[in-house]
Amino acid sequence: NGRNTVFLQMNKLKPEDTAVYYCAR
């Protein structure tokens, strides 16, 4: 919150994770 930033750590990626990723408020 101090940096006004949200993160998504993605591990063990799979081909089905292929997509455009969006963040939203």
mmCIF file of all heavy atoms, coordinates in Angstrom:
data_MODEL
# 
_entry.id   MODEL 
# 
loop_
_atom_site.group_PDB 
_atom_site.id 
_atom_site.type_symbol 
_atom_site.label_atom_id 
_atom_site.label_alt_id 
_atom_site.label_comp_id 
_atom_site.label_asym_id 
_atom_site.label_entity_id 
_atom_site.label_seq_id 
_atom_site.pdbx_PDB_ins_code 
_atom_site.Cartn_x 
_atom_site.Cartn_y 
_atom_site.Cartn_z 
_atom_site.occupancy 
_atom_site.B_iso_or_equiv 
_atom_site.pdbx_formal_charge 
_atom_site.auth_seq_id 
_atom_site.auth_comp_id 
_atom_site.auth_asym_id 
_atom_site.auth_atom_id 
_atom_site.pdbx_PDB_model_num 
ATOM 1   N N   . ASN A 1 1  ? 0.816   -1.218  0.000   1.00 0.00 ? 1  ASN A N   1 
ATOM 2   C CA  . ASN A 1 1  ? 0.000   0.000   0.000   1.00 0.00 ? 1  ASN A CA  1 
ATOM 3   C C   . ASN A 1 1  ? 0.849   1.267   0.000   1.00 0.00 ? 1  ASN A C   1 
ATOM 4   O O   . ASN A 1 1  ? 0.407   2.314   -0.471  1.00 0.00 ? 1  ASN A O   1 
ATOM 5   C CB  . ASN A 1 1  ? -0.955  -0.008  1.184   1.00 0.00 ? 1  ASN A CB  1 
ATOM 6   C CG  . ASN A 1 1  ? -2.097  -0.993  0.987   1.00 0.00 ? 1  ASN A CG  1 
ATOM 7   O OD1 . ASN A 1 1  ? -2.446  -1.350  -0.137  1.00 0.00 ? 1  ASN A OD1 1 
ATOM 8   N ND2 . ASN A 1 1  ? -2.687  -1.455  2.085   1.00 0.00 ? 1  ASN A ND2 1 
ATOM 9   N N   . GLY A 1 2  ? 2.048   1.186   0.525   1.00 0.00 ? 2  GLY A N   1 
ATOM 10  C CA  . GLY A 1 2  ? 2.932   2.347   0.518   1.00 0.00 ? 2  GLY A CA  1 
ATOM 11  C C   . GLY A 1 2  ? 3.397   2.713   -0.883  1.00 0.00 ? 2  GLY A C   1 
ATOM 12  O O   . GLY A 1 2  ? 3.753   3.865   -1.141  1.00 0.00 ? 2  GLY A O   1 
ATOM 13  N N   . ARG A 1 3  ? 3.378   1.721   -1.779  1.00 0.00 ? 3  ARG A N   1 
ATOM 14  C CA  . ARG A 1 3  ? 3.803   1.949   -3.156  1.00 0.00 ? 3  ARG A CA  1 
ATOM 15  C C   . ARG A 1 3  ? 2.637   1.920   -4.129  1.00 0.00 ? 3  ARG A C   1 
ATOM 16  O O   . ARG A 1 3  ? 2.843   1.962   -5.346  1.00 0.00 ? 3  ARG A O   1 
ATOM 17  C CB  . ARG A 1 3  ? 4.830   0.891   -3.558  1.00 0.00 ? 3  ARG A CB  1 
ATOM 18  C CG  . ARG A 1 3  ? 6.135   0.968   -2.796  1.00 0.00 ? 3  ARG A CG  1 
ATOM 19  C CD  . ARG A 1 3  ? 6.975   -0.280  -3.024  1.00 0.00 ? 3  ARG A CD  1 
ATOM 20  N NE  . ARG A 1 3  ? 7.224   -0.559  -4.429  1.00 0.00 ? 3  ARG A NE  1 
ATOM 21  C CZ  . ARG A 1 3  ? 7.762   -1.680  -4.889  1.00 0.00 ? 3  ARG A CZ  1 
ATOM 22  N NH1 . ARG A 1 3  ? 8.104   -2.632  -4.029  1.00 0.00 ? 3  ARG A NH1 1 
ATOM 23  N NH2 . ARG A 1 3  ? 7.963   -1.859  -6.184  1.00 0.00 ? 3  ARG A NH2 1 
ATOM 24  N N   . ASN A 1 4  ? 1.407   1.833   -3.585  1.00 0.00 ? 4  ASN A N   1 
ATOM 25  C CA  . ASN A 1 4  ? 0.211   1.787   -4.438  1.00 0.00 ? 4  ASN A CA  1 
ATOM 26  C C   . ASN A 1 4  ? 0.334   0.707   -5.515  1.00 0.00 ? 4  ASN A C   1 
ATOM 27  O O   . ASN A 1 4  ? -0.011  0.928   -6.689  1.00 0.00 ? 4  ASN A O   1 
ATOM 28  C CB  . ASN A 1 4  ? -0.038  3.147   -5.117  1.00 0.00 ? 4  ASN A CB  1 
ATOM 29  C CG  . ASN A 1 4  ? -0.571  4.176   -4.144  1.00 0.00 ? 4  ASN A CG  1 
ATOM 30  O OD1 . ASN A 1 4  ? -0.704  3.920   -2.949  1.00 0.00 ? 4  ASN A OD1 1 
ATOM 31  N ND2 . ASN A 1 4  ? -0.850  5.365   -4.631  1.00 0.00 ? 4  ASN A ND2 1 
ATOM 32  N N   . THR A 1 5  ? 0.799   -0.440  -5.125  1.00 0.00 ? 5  THR A N   1 
ATOM 33  C CA  . THR A 1 5  ? 1.064   -1.502  -6.087  1.00 0.00 ? 5  THR A CA  1 
ATOM 34  C C   . THR A 1 5  ? 0.537   -2.839  -5.573  1.00 0.00 ? 5  THR A C   1 
ATOM 35  O O   . THR A 1 5  ? 0.659   -3.143  -4.380  1.00 0.00 ? 5  THR A O   1 
ATOM 36  C CB  . THR A 1 5  ? 2.578   -1.615  -6.365  1.00 0.00 ? 5  THR A CB  1 
ATOM 37  O OG1 . THR A 1 5  ? 3.071   -0.359  -6.824  1.00 0.00 ? 5  THR A OG1 1 
ATOM 38  C CG2 . THR A 1 5  ? 2.861   -2.669  -7.422  1.00 0.00 ? 5  THR A CG2 1 
ATOM 39  N N   . VAL A 1 6  ? -0.028  -3.595  -6.483  1.00 0.00 ? 6  VAL A N   1 
ATOM 40  C CA  . VAL A 1 6  ? -0.458  -4.962  -6.180  1.00 0.00 ? 6  VAL A CA  1 
ATOM 41  C C   . VAL A 1 6  ? 0.308   -5.906  -7.096  1.00 0.00 ? 6  VAL A C   1 
ATOM 42  O O   . VAL A 1 6  ? 0.624   -5.550  -8.237  1.00 0.00 ? 6  VAL A O   1 
ATOM 43  C CB  . VAL A 1 6  ? -1.983  -5.123  -6.339  1.00 0.00 ? 6  VAL A CB  1 
ATOM 44  C CG1 . VAL A 1 6  ? -2.436  -4.856  -7.760  1.00 0.00 ? 6  VAL A CG1 1 
ATOM 45  C CG2 . VAL A 1 6  ? -2.438  -6.494  -5.870  1.00 0.00 ? 6  VAL A CG2 1 
ATOM 46  N N   . PHE A 1 7  ? 0.613   -7.076  -6.577  1.00 0.00 ? 7  PHE A N   1 
ATOM 47  C CA  . PHE A 1 7  ? 1.444   -8.026  -7.296  1.00 0.00 ? 7  PHE A CA  1 
ATOM 48  C C   . PHE A 1 7  ? 0.723   -9.368  -7.453  1.00 0.00 ? 7  PHE A C   1 
ATOM 49  O O   . PHE A 1 7  ? -0.142  -9.723  -6.644  1.00 0.00 ? 7  PHE A O   1 
ATOM 50  C CB  . PHE A 1 7  ? 2.751   -8.273  -6.539  1.00 0.00 ? 7  PHE A CB  1 
ATOM 51  C CG  . PHE A 1 7  ? 3.554   -7.048  -6.272  1.00 0.00 ? 7  PHE A CG  1 
ATOM 52  C CD1 . PHE A 1 7  ? 3.365   -6.306  -5.108  1.00 0.00 ? 7  PHE A CD1 1 
ATOM 53  C CD2 . PHE A 1 7  ? 4.504   -6.618  -7.176  1.00 0.00 ? 7  PHE A CD2 1 
ATOM 54  C CE1 . PHE A 1 7  ? 4.111   -5.167  -4.846  1.00 0.00 ? 7  PHE A CE1 1 
ATOM 55  C CE2 . PHE A 1 7  ? 5.261   -5.484  -6.937  1.00 0.00 ? 7  PHE A CE2 1 
ATOM 56  C CZ  . PHE A 1 7  ? 5.067   -4.752  -5.773  1.00 0.00 ? 7  PHE A CZ  1 
ATOM 57  N N   . LEU A 1 8  ? 1.118   -10.090 -8.481  1.00 0.00 ? 8  LEU A N   1 
ATOM 58  C CA  . LEU A 1 8  ? 0.656   -11.466 -8.643  1.00 0.00 ? 8  LEU A CA  1 
ATOM 59  C C   . LEU A 1 8  ? 1.881   -12.320 -8.933  1.00 0.00 ? 8  LEU A C   1 
ATOM 60  O O   . LEU A 1 8  ? 2.471   -12.231 -10.018 1.00 0.00 ? 8  LEU A O   1 
ATOM 61  C CB  . LEU A 1 8  ? -0.356  -11.589 -9.784  1.00 0.00 ? 8  LEU A CB  1 
ATOM 62  C CG  . LEU A 1 8  ? -0.958  -12.978 -9.957  1.00 0.00 ? 8  LEU A CG  1 
ATOM 63  C CD1 . LEU A 1 8  ? -1.860  -13.328 -8.761  1.00 0.00 ? 8  LEU A CD1 1 
ATOM 64  C CD2 . LEU A 1 8  ? -1.762  -13.064 -11.259 1.00 0.00 ? 8  LEU A CD2 1 
ATOM 65  N N   . GLN A 1 9  ? 2.275   -13.098 -7.951  1.00 0.00 ? 9  GLN A N   1 
ATOM 66  C CA  . GLN A 1 9  ? 3.386   -14.027 -8.117  1.00 0.00 ? 9  GLN A CA  1 
ATOM 67  C C   . GLN A 1 9  ? 2.838   -15.329 -8.678  1.00 0.00 ? 9  GLN A C   1 
ATOM 68  O O   . GLN A 1 9  ? 1.982   -15.964 -8.059  1.00 0.00 ? 9  GLN A O   1 
ATOM 69  C CB  . GLN A 1 9  ? 4.074   -14.278 -6.778  1.00 0.00 ? 9  GLN A CB  1 
ATOM 70  C CG  . GLN A 1 9  ? 5.216   -15.283 -6.839  1.00 0.00 ? 9  GLN A CG  1 
ATOM 71  C CD  . GLN A 1 9  ? 6.400   -14.778 -7.631  1.00 0.00 ? 9  GLN A CD  1 
ATOM 72  O OE1 . GLN A 1 9  ? 6.775   -13.621 -7.516  1.00 0.00 ? 9  GLN A OE1 1 
ATOM 73  N NE2 . GLN A 1 9  ? 6.992   -15.666 -8.443  1.00 0.00 ? 9  GLN A NE2 1 
ATOM 74  N N   . MET A 1 10 ? 3.321   -15.701 -9.838  1.00 0.00 ? 10 MET A N   1 
ATOM 75  C CA  . MET A 1 10 ? 2.816   -16.890 -10.520 1.00 0.00 ? 10 MET A CA  1 
ATOM 76  C C   . MET A 1 10 ? 3.925   -17.934 -10.581 1.00 0.00 ? 10 MET A C   1 
ATOM 77  O O   . MET A 1 10 ? 4.963   -17.703 -11.218 1.00 0.00 ? 10 MET A O   1 
ATOM 78  C CB  . MET A 1 10 ? 2.339   -16.528 -11.929 1.00 0.00 ? 10 MET A CB  1 
ATOM 79  C CG  . MET A 1 10 ? 1.311   -15.411 -11.953 1.00 0.00 ? 10 MET A CG  1 
ATOM 80  S SD  . MET A 1 10 ? 0.634   -15.107 -13.596 1.00 0.00 ? 10 MET A SD  1 
ATOM 81  C CE  . MET A 1 10 ? 2.102   -14.554 -14.451 1.00 0.00 ? 10 MET A CE  1 
ATOM 82  N N   . ASN A 1 11 ? 3.716   -19.041 -9.926  1.00 0.00 ? 11 ASN A N   1 
ATOM 83  C CA  . ASN A 1 11 ? 4.687   -20.133 -9.890  1.00 0.00 ? 11 ASN A CA  1 
ATOM 84  C C   . ASN A 1 11 ? 4.122   -21.353 -10.588 1.00 0.00 ? 11 ASN A C   1 
ATOM 85  O O   . ASN A 1 11 ? 2.913   -21.496 -10.768 1.00 0.00 ? 11 ASN A O   1 
ATOM 86  C CB  . ASN A 1 11 ? 5.031   -20.471 -8.443  1.00 0.00 ? 11 ASN A CB  1 
ATOM 87  C CG  . ASN A 1 11 ? 5.604   -19.294 -7.682  1.00 0.00 ? 11 ASN A CG  1 
ATOM 88  O OD1 . ASN A 1 11 ? 6.406   -18.520 -8.209  1.00 0.00 ? 11 ASN A OD1 1 
ATOM 89  N ND2 . ASN A 1 11 ? 5.204   -19.151 -6.430  1.00 0.00 ? 11 ASN A ND2 1 
ATOM 90  N N   . LYS A 1 12 ? 5.019   -22.252 -10.960 1.00 0.00 ? 12 LYS A N   1 
ATOM 91  C CA  . LYS A 1 12 ? 4.622   -23.511 -11.606 1.00 0.00 ? 12 LYS A CA  1 
ATOM 92  C C   . LYS A 1 12 ? 3.651   -23.243 -12.753 1.00 0.00 ? 12 LYS A C   1 
ATOM 93  O O   . LYS A 1 12 ? 2.578   -23.852 -12.845 1.00 0.00 ? 12 LYS A O   1 
ATOM 94  C CB  . LYS A 1 12 ? 4.005   -24.452 -10.581 1.00 0.00 ? 12 LYS A CB  1 
ATOM 95  C CG  . LYS A 1 12 ? 4.944   -24.818 -9.444  1.00 0.00 ? 12 LYS A CG  1 
ATOM 96  C CD  . LYS A 1 12 ? 4.264   -25.735 -8.436  1.00 0.00 ? 12 LYS A CD  1 
ATOM 97  C CE  . LYS A 1 12 ? 5.197   -26.070 -7.289  1.00 0.00 ? 12 LYS A CE  1 
ATOM 98  N NZ  . LYS A 1 12 ? 4.530   -26.934 -6.266  1.00 0.00 ? 12 LYS A NZ  1 
ATOM 99  N N   . LEU A 1 13 ? 4.027   -22.342 -13.612 1.00 0.00 ? 13 LEU A N   1 
ATOM 100 C CA  . LEU A 1 13 ? 3.152   -21.939 -14.716 1.00 0.00 ? 13 LEU A CA  1 
ATOM 101 C C   . LEU A 1 13 ? 2.844   -23.116 -15.627 1.00 0.00 ? 13 LEU A C   1 
ATOM 102 O O   . LEU A 1 13 ? 3.684   -24.010 -15.844 1.00 0.00 ? 13 LEU A O   1 
ATOM 103 C CB  . LEU A 1 13 ? 3.793   -20.812 -15.508 1.00 0.00 ? 13 LEU A CB  1 
ATOM 104 C CG  . LEU A 1 13 ? 3.723   -19.426 -14.849 1.00 0.00 ? 13 LEU A CG  1 
ATOM 105 C CD1 . LEU A 1 13 ? 4.693   -18.461 -15.500 1.00 0.00 ? 13 LEU A CD1 1 
ATOM 106 C CD2 . LEU A 1 13 ? 2.303   -18.879 -14.911 1.00 0.00 ? 13 LEU A CD2 1 
ATOM 107 N N   . LYS A 1 14 ? 1.652   -23.075 -16.180 1.00 0.00 ? 14 LYS A N   1 
ATOM 108 C CA  . LYS A 1 14 ? 1.172   -24.102 -17.101 1.00 0.00 ? 14 LYS A CA  1 
ATOM 109 C C   . LYS A 1 14 ? 0.767   -23.438 -18.416 1.00 0.00 ? 14 LYS A C   1 
ATOM 110 O O   . LYS A 1 14 ? 0.410   -22.257 -18.427 1.00 0.00 ? 14 LYS A O   1 
ATOM 111 C CB  . LYS A 1 14 ? -0.036  -24.820 -16.512 1.00 0.00 ? 14 LYS A CB  1 
ATOM 112 C CG  . LYS A 1 14 ? 0.190   -25.471 -15.166 1.00 0.00 ? 14 LYS A CG  1 
ATOM 113 C CD  . LYS A 1 14 ? -1.100  -26.073 -14.640 1.00 0.00 ? 14 LYS A CD  1 
ATOM 114 C CE  . LYS A 1 14 ? -0.894  -26.728 -13.289 1.00 0.00 ? 14 LYS A CE  1 
ATOM 115 N NZ  . LYS A 1 14 ? -2.163  -27.319 -12.760 1.00 0.00 ? 14 LYS A NZ  1 
ATOM 116 N N   . PRO A 1 15 ? 0.790   -24.174 -19.521 1.00 0.00 ? 15 PRO A N   1 
ATOM 117 C CA  . PRO A 1 15 ? 0.345   -23.580 -20.796 1.00 0.00 ? 15 PRO A CA  1 
ATOM 118 C C   . PRO A 1 15 ? -1.065  -23.003 -20.710 1.00 0.00 ? 15 PRO A C   1 
ATOM 119 O O   . PRO A 1 15 ? -1.351  -21.974 -21.362 1.00 0.00 ? 15 PRO A O   1 
ATOM 120 C CB  . PRO A 1 15 ? 0.408   -24.772 -21.761 1.00 0.00 ? 15 PRO A CB  1 
ATOM 121 C CG  . PRO A 1 15 ? 1.492   -25.631 -21.207 1.00 0.00 ? 15 PRO A CG  1 
ATOM 122 C CD  . PRO A 1 15 ? 1.342   -25.527 -19.708 1.00 0.00 ? 15 PRO A CD  1 
ATOM 123 N N   . GLU A 1 16 ? -1.925  -23.588 -19.907 1.00 0.00 ? 16 GLU A N   1 
ATOM 124 C CA  . GLU A 1 16 ? -3.298  -23.071 -19.795 1.00 0.00 ? 16 GLU A CA  1 
ATOM 125 C C   . GLU A 1 16 ? -3.370  -21.762 -19.028 1.00 0.00 ? 16 GLU A C   1 
ATOM 126 O O   . GLU A 1 16 ? -4.439  -21.157 -18.929 1.00 0.00 ? 16 GLU A O   1 
ATOM 127 C CB  . GLU A 1 16 ? -4.221  -24.111 -19.146 1.00 0.00 ? 16 GLU A CB  1 
ATOM 128 C CG  . GLU A 1 16 ? -3.702  -24.708 -17.858 1.00 0.00 ? 16 GLU A CG  1 
ATOM 129 C CD  . GLU A 1 16 ? -3.011  -26.049 -18.074 1.00 0.00 ? 16 GLU A CD  1 
ATOM 130 O OE1 . GLU A 1 16 ? -2.199  -26.151 -19.016 1.00 0.00 ? 16 GLU A OE1 1 
ATOM 131 O OE2 . GLU A 1 16 ? -3.266  -26.970 -17.271 1.00 0.00 ? 16 GLU A OE2 1 
ATOM 132 N N   . ASP A 1 17 ? -2.249  -21.295 -18.468 1.00 0.00 ? 17 ASP A N   1 
ATOM 133 C CA  . ASP A 1 17 ? -2.208  -19.972 -17.842 1.00 0.00 ? 17 ASP A CA  1 
ATOM 134 C C   . ASP A 1 17 ? -2.005  -18.868 -18.878 1.00 0.00 ? 17 ASP A C   1 
ATOM 135 O O   . ASP A 1 17 ? -2.052  -17.685 -18.529 1.00 0.00 ? 17 ASP A O   1 
ATOM 136 C CB  . ASP A 1 17 ? -1.083  -19.895 -16.809 1.00 0.00 ? 17 ASP A CB  1 
ATOM 137 C CG  . ASP A 1 17 ? -1.305  -20.812 -15.617 1.00 0.00 ? 17 ASP A CG  1 
ATOM 138 O OD1 . ASP A 1 17 ? -2.464  -20.930 -15.165 1.00 0.00 ? 17 ASP A OD1 1 
ATOM 139 O OD2 . ASP A 1 17 ? -0.325  -21.410 -15.141 1.00 0.00 ? 17 ASP A OD2 1 
ATOM 140 N N   . THR A 1 18 ? -1.768  -19.238 -20.121 1.00 0.00 ? 18 THR A N   1 
ATOM 141 C CA  . THR A 1 18 ? -1.569  -18.257 -21.182 1.00 0.00 ? 18 THR A CA  1 
ATOM 142 C C   . THR A 1 18 ? -2.814  -17.393 -21.341 1.00 0.00 ? 18 THR A C   1 
ATOM 143 O O   . THR A 1 18 ? -3.919  -17.916 -21.551 1.00 0.00 ? 18 THR A O   1 
ATOM 144 C CB  . THR A 1 18 ? -1.248  -18.955 -22.506 1.00 0.00 ? 18 THR A CB  1 
ATOM 145 O OG1 . THR A 1 18 ? 0.017   -19.634 -22.376 1.00 0.00 ? 18 THR A OG1 1 
ATOM 146 C CG2 . THR A 1 18 ? -1.181  -17.963 -23.649 1.00 0.00 ? 18 THR A CG2 1 
ATOM 147 N N   . ALA A 1 19 ? -2.623  -16.082 -21.235 1.00 0.00 ? 19 ALA A N   1 
ATOM 148 C CA  . ALA A 1 19 ? -3.744  -15.141 -21.302 1.00 0.00 ? 19 ALA A CA  1 
ATOM 149 C C   . ALA A 1 19 ? -3.198  -13.728 -21.174 1.00 0.00 ? 19 ALA A C   1 
ATOM 150 O O   . ALA A 1 19 ? -2.022  -13.531 -20.850 1.00 0.00 ? 19 ALA A O   1 
ATOM 151 C CB  . ALA A 1 19 ? -4.753  -15.414 -20.187 1.00 0.00 ? 19 ALA A CB  1 
ATOM 152 N N   . VAL A 1 20 ? -4.065  -12.770 -21.396 1.00 0.00 ? 20 VAL A N   1 
ATOM 153 C CA  . VAL A 1 20 ? -3.786  -11.388 -21.025 1.00 0.00 ? 20 VAL A CA  1 
ATOM 154 C C   . VAL A 1 20 ? -4.281  -11.217 -19.595 1.00 0.00 ? 20 VAL A C   1 
ATOM 155 O O   . VAL A 1 20 ? -5.433  -11.550 -19.287 1.00 0.00 ? 20 VAL A O   1 
ATOM 156 C CB  . VAL A 1 20 ? -4.483  -10.387 -21.955 1.00 0.00 ? 20 VAL A CB  1 
ATOM 157 C CG1 . VAL A 1 20 ? -4.211  -8.956  -21.490 1.00 0.00 ? 20 VAL A CG1 1 
ATOM 158 C CG2 . VAL A 1 20 ? -4.014  -10.578 -23.386 1.00 0.00 ? 20 VAL A CG2 1 
ATOM 159 N N   . TYR A 1 21 ? -3.404  -10.720 -18.738 1.00 0.00 ? 21 TYR A N   1 
ATOM 160 C CA  . TYR A 1 21 ? -3.725  -10.547 -17.320 1.00 0.00 ? 21 TYR A CA  1 
ATOM 161 C C   . TYR A 1 21 ? -4.019  -9.078  -17.039 1.00 0.00 ? 21 TYR A C   1 
ATOM 162 O O   . TYR A 1 21 ? -3.262  -8.188  -17.447 1.00 0.00 ? 21 TYR A O   1 
ATOM 163 C CB  . TYR A 1 21 ? -2.572  -11.040 -16.459 1.00 0.00 ? 21 TYR A CB  1 
ATOM 164 C CG  . TYR A 1 21 ? -2.519  -12.541 -16.358 1.00 0.00 ? 21 TYR A CG  1 
ATOM 165 C CD1 . TYR A 1 21 ? -2.117  -13.304 -17.451 1.00 0.00 ? 21 TYR A CD1 1 
ATOM 166 C CD2 . TYR A 1 21 ? -2.893  -13.205 -15.203 1.00 0.00 ? 21 TYR A CD2 1 
ATOM 167 C CE1 . TYR A 1 21 ? -2.088  -14.690 -17.384 1.00 0.00 ? 21 TYR A CE1 1 
ATOM 168 C CE2 . TYR A 1 21 ? -2.867  -14.588 -15.114 1.00 0.00 ? 21 TYR A CE2 1 
ATOM 169 C CZ  . TYR A 1 21 ? -2.467  -15.324 -16.216 1.00 0.00 ? 21 TYR A CZ  1 
ATOM 170 O OH  . TYR A 1 21 ? -2.442  -16.693 -16.150 1.00 0.00 ? 21 TYR A OH  1 
ATOM 171 N N   . TYR A 1 22 ? -5.117  -8.862  -16.314 1.00 0.00 ? 22 TYR A N   1 
ATOM 172 C CA  . TYR A 1 22 ? -5.562  -7.523  -15.973 1.00 0.00 ? 22 TYR A CA  1 
ATOM 173 C C   . TYR A 1 22 ? -5.657  -7.368  -14.464 1.00 0.00 ? 22 TYR A C   1 
ATOM 174 O O   . TYR A 1 22 ? -6.125  -8.277  -13.779 1.00 0.00 ? 22 TYR A O   1 
ATOM 175 C CB  . TYR A 1 22 ? -6.948  -7.248  -16.548 1.00 0.00 ? 22 TYR A CB  1 
ATOM 176 C CG  . TYR A 1 22 ? -7.053  -7.343  -18.046 1.00 0.00 ? 22 TYR A CG  1 
ATOM 177 C CD1 . TYR A 1 22 ? -7.335  -8.551  -18.670 1.00 0.00 ? 22 TYR A CD1 1 
ATOM 178 C CD2 . TYR A 1 22 ? -6.895  -6.210  -18.849 1.00 0.00 ? 22 TYR A CD2 1 
ATOM 179 C CE1 . TYR A 1 22 ? -7.446  -8.640  -20.039 1.00 0.00 ? 22 TYR A CE1 1 
ATOM 180 C CE2 . TYR A 1 22 ? -7.007  -6.287  -20.228 1.00 0.00 ? 22 TYR A CE2 1 
ATOM 181 C CZ  . TYR A 1 22 ? -7.275  -7.508  -20.815 1.00 0.00 ? 22 TYR A CZ  1 
ATOM 182 O OH  . TYR A 1 22 ? -7.391  -7.590  -22.185 1.00 0.00 ? 22 TYR A OH  1 
ATOM 183 N N   . CYS A 1 23 ? -5.247  -6.214  -13.979 1.00 0.00 ? 23 CYS A N   1 
ATOM 184 C CA  . CYS A 1 23 ? -5.568  -5.901  -12.589 1.00 0.00 ? 23 CYS A CA  1 
ATOM 185 C C   . CYS A 1 23 ? -6.752  -4.943  -12.590 1.00 0.00 ? 23 CYS A C   1 
ATOM 186 O O   . CYS A 1 23 ? -7.014  -4.247  -13.581 1.00 0.00 ? 23 CYS A O   1 
ATOM 187 C CB  . CYS A 1 23 ? -4.384  -5.296  -11.851 1.00 0.00 ? 23 CYS A CB  1 
ATOM 188 S SG  . CYS A 1 23 ? -3.916  -3.638  -12.361 1.00 0.00 ? 23 CYS A SG  1 
ATOM 189 N N   . ALA A 1 24 ? -7.470  -4.937  -11.494 1.00 0.00 ? 24 ALA A N   1 
ATOM 190 C CA  . ALA A 1 24 ? -8.668  -4.127  -11.403 1.00 0.00 ? 24 ALA A CA  1 
ATOM 191 C C   . ALA A 1 24 ? -8.886  -3.674  -9.965  1.00 0.00 ? 24 ALA A C   1 
ATOM 192 O O   . ALA A 1 24 ? -8.515  -4.380  -9.019  1.00 0.00 ? 24 ALA A O   1 
ATOM 193 C CB  . ALA A 1 24 ? -9.879  -4.925  -11.894 1.00 0.00 ? 24 ALA A CB  1 
ATOM 194 N N   . ARG A 1 25 ? -9.505  -2.504  -9.823  1.00 0.00 ? 25 ARG A N   1 
ATOM 195 C CA  . ARG A 1 25 ? -9.808  -1.962  -8.506  1.00 0.00 ? 25 ARG A CA  1 
ATOM 196 C C   . ARG A 1 25 ? -11.286 -2.104  -8.210  1.00 0.00 ? 25 ARG A C   1 
ATOM 197 O O   . ARG A 1 25 ? -12.124 -1.811  -9.073  1.00 0.00 ? 25 ARG A O   1 
ATOM 198 C CB  . ARG A 1 25 ? -9.410  -0.487  -8.443  1.00 0.00 ? 25 ARG A CB  1 
ATOM 199 C CG  . ARG A 1 25 ? -9.310  0.069   -7.027  1.00 0.00 ? 25 ARG A CG  1 
ATOM 200 C CD  . ARG A 1 25 ? -9.660  1.538   -6.985  1.00 0.00 ? 25 ARG A CD  1 
ATOM 201 N NE  . ARG A 1 25 ? -11.116 1.741   -7.017  1.00 0.00 ? 25 ARG A NE  1 
ATOM 202 C CZ  . ARG A 1 25 ? -11.698 2.926   -6.951  1.00 0.00 ? 25 ARG A CZ  1 
ATOM 203 N NH1 . ARG A 1 25 ? -10.939 4.014   -6.866  1.00 0.00 ? 25 ARG A NH1 1 
ATOM 204 N NH2 . ARG A 1 25 ? -13.004 3.036   -6.964  1.00 0.00 ? 25 ARG A NH2 1 
# 
